[in-house]
Amino acid sequence: MRIFNFFEKPKIEKEFYENGKLKIEATYKSEKKNGVEKGYHENGKLKYKAHWIDGKQDGEVISFDEDGILIL
């Protein structure tokens, strides 16, 4: 049984491309992805957005092309 810590603050982890631009930004809580994860193209435009709950993907990943336009 896991003990839940109500006072634990979410941690945001970021990964960057070699050019210094943001590649991935994800929120973790209790060492598991929790909340929104965003990935970015090398040009800085949003590539995808996904939602996580306790390390499990919740719903579909929303994807965008290199111009930031939603891919259906």
C-alpha atoms as a PDB file:
ATOM      1  CA  MET A   1       0.000   0.000   0.000  1.00  0.00           C
ATOM      2  CA  ARG A   2       1.354   3.386  -1.001  1.00  0.00           C
ATOM      3  CA  ILE A   3       1.099   6.322   1.387  1.00  0.00           C
ATOM      4  CA  PHE A   4      -0.071   9.455  -0.393  1.00  0.00           C
ATOM      5  CA  ASN A   5       1.692  12.667   0.494  1.00  0.00           C
ATOM      6  CA  PHE A   6      -0.766  15.565   0.156  1.00  0.00           C
ATOM      7  CA  PHE A   7       2.020  18.078   0.737  1.00  0.00           C
ATOM      8  CA  GLU A   8       4.286  16.878  -2.060  1.00  0.00           C
ATOM      9  CA  LYS A   9       4.710  19.544  -4.720  1.00  0.00           C
ATOM     10  CA  PRO A  10       4.591  18.594  -8.391  1.00  0.00           C
ATOM     11  CA  LYS A  11       7.971  18.682 -10.134  1.00  0.00           C
ATOM     12  CA  ILE A  12       8.349  19.962 -13.683  1.00  0.00           C
ATOM     13  CA  GLU A  13      11.054  18.301 -15.762  1.00  0.00           C
ATOM     14  CA  LYS A  14      12.313  19.825 -18.991  1.00  0.00           C
ATOM     15  CA  GLU A  15      14.389  18.434 -21.834  1.00  0.00           C
ATOM     16  CA  PHE A  16      16.076  20.654 -24.411  1.00  0.00           C
ATOM     17  CA  TYR A  17      17.318  20.359 -27.986  1.00  0.00           C
ATOM     18  CA  GLU A  18      21.026  20.948 -28.640  1.00  0.00           C
ATOM     19  CA  ASN A  19      20.100  24.447 -29.891  1.00  0.00           C
ATOM     20  CA  GLY A  20      18.770  25.248 -26.398  1.00  0.00           C
ATOM     21  CA  LYS A  21      15.075  25.267 -27.309  1.00  0.00           C
ATOM     22  CA  LEU A  22      12.601  23.389 -25.165  1.00  0.00           C
ATOM     23  CA  LYS A  23      11.886  19.831 -26.397  1.00  0.00           C
ATOM     24  CA  ILE A  24       9.687  18.302 -23.677  1.00  0.00           C
ATOM     25  CA  GLU A  25       8.053  19.616 -20.508  1.00  0.00           C
ATOM     26  CA  ALA A  26       6.329  17.174 -18.146  1.00  0.00           C
ATOM     27  CA  THR A  27       4.929  17.320 -14.622  1.00  0.00           C
ATOM     28  CA  TYR A  28       5.752  14.574 -12.113  1.00  0.00           C
ATOM     29  CA  LYS A  29       4.319  13.760  -8.713  1.00  0.00           C
ATOM     30  CA  SER A  30       5.512  10.810  -6.620  1.00  0.00           C
ATOM     31  CA  GLU A  31       8.043  10.100  -9.398  1.00  0.00           C
ATOM     32  CA  LYS A  32       5.231   9.440 -11.918  1.00  0.00           C
ATOM     33  CA  LYS A  33       3.982  11.623 -14.739  1.00  0.00           C
ATOM     34  CA  ASN A  34       0.980  13.539 -13.472  1.00  0.00           C
ATOM     35  CA  GLY A  35      -0.654  16.344 -15.381  1.00  0.00           C
ATOM     36  CA  VAL A  36       0.120  17.759 -18.791  1.00  0.00           C
ATOM     37  CA  GLU A  37       3.132  16.767 -20.887  1.00  0.00           C
ATOM     38  CA  LYS A  38       4.023  18.981 -23.844  1.00  0.00           C
ATOM     39  CA  GLY A  39       6.482  18.241 -26.631  1.00  0.00           C
ATOM     40  CA  TYR A  40       7.823  20.885 -28.984  1.00  0.00           C
ATOM     41  CA  HIS A  41       9.243  20.918 -32.500  1.00  0.00           C
ATOM     42  CA  GLU A  42      12.775  22.242 -32.884  1.00  0.00           C
ATOM     43  CA  ASN A  43      11.294  25.504 -34.194  1.00  0.00           C
ATOM     44  CA  GLY A  44       9.574  26.021 -30.811  1.00  0.00           C
ATOM     45  CA  LYS A  45       6.015  25.247 -31.971  1.00  0.00           C
ATOM     46  CA  LEU A  46       3.905  22.807 -29.978  1.00  0.00           C
ATOM     47  CA  LYS A  47       4.303  19.210 -31.279  1.00  0.00           C
ATOM     48  CA  TYR A  48       2.005  17.295 -28.915  1.00  0.00           C
ATOM     49  CA  LYS A  49       0.097  17.519 -25.676  1.00  0.00           C
ATOM     50  CA  ALA A  50      -0.805  14.572 -23.443  1.00  0.00           C
ATOM     51  CA  HIS A  51      -2.398  14.200 -20.015  1.00  0.00           C
ATOM     52  CA  TRP A  52      -1.115  11.738 -17.389  1.00  0.00           C
ATOM     53  CA  ILE A  53      -2.537  10.433 -14.102  1.00  0.00           C
ATOM     54  CA  ASP A  54      -0.264   8.403 -11.804  1.00  0.00           C
ATOM     55  CA  GLY A  55       2.081   7.451 -14.647  1.00  0.00           C
ATOM     56  CA  LYS A  56      -0.675   6.327 -17.014  1.00  0.00           C
ATOM     57  CA  GLN A  57      -1.728   8.232 -20.099  1.00  0.00           C
ATOM     58  CA  ASP A  58      -5.234   9.637 -19.709  1.00  0.00           C
ATOM     59  CA  GLY A  59      -6.956  10.231 -23.037  1.00  0.00           C
ATOM     60  CA  GLU A  60      -5.502  10.798 -26.448  1.00  0.00           C
ATOM     61  CA  VAL A  61      -2.343  12.608 -27.441  1.00  0.00           C
ATOM     62  CA  ILE A  62      -3.116  15.796 -29.356  1.00  0.00           C
ATOM     63  CA  SER A  63      -0.573  16.316 -32.155  1.00  0.00           C
ATOM     64  CA  PHE A  64       0.438  19.420 -34.094  1.00  0.00           C
ATOM     65  CA  ASP A  65       2.488  19.874 -37.266  1.00  0.00           C
ATOM     66  CA  GLU A  66       5.634  22.037 -37.474  1.00  0.00           C
ATOM     67  CA  ASP A  67       3.473  25.112 -38.076  1.00  0.00           C
ATOM     68  CA  GLY A  68       1.514  24.463 -34.869  1.00  0.00           C
ATOM     69  CA  ILE A  69      -1.624  23.334 -36.715  1.00  0.00           C
ATOM     70  CA  LEU A  70      -3.683  20.550 -35.156  1.00  0.00           C
ATOM     71  CA  ILE A  71      -3.286  17.171 -36.883  1.00  0.00           C
ATOM     72  CA  LEU A  72      -6.625  15.387 -37.129  1.00  0.00           C
END
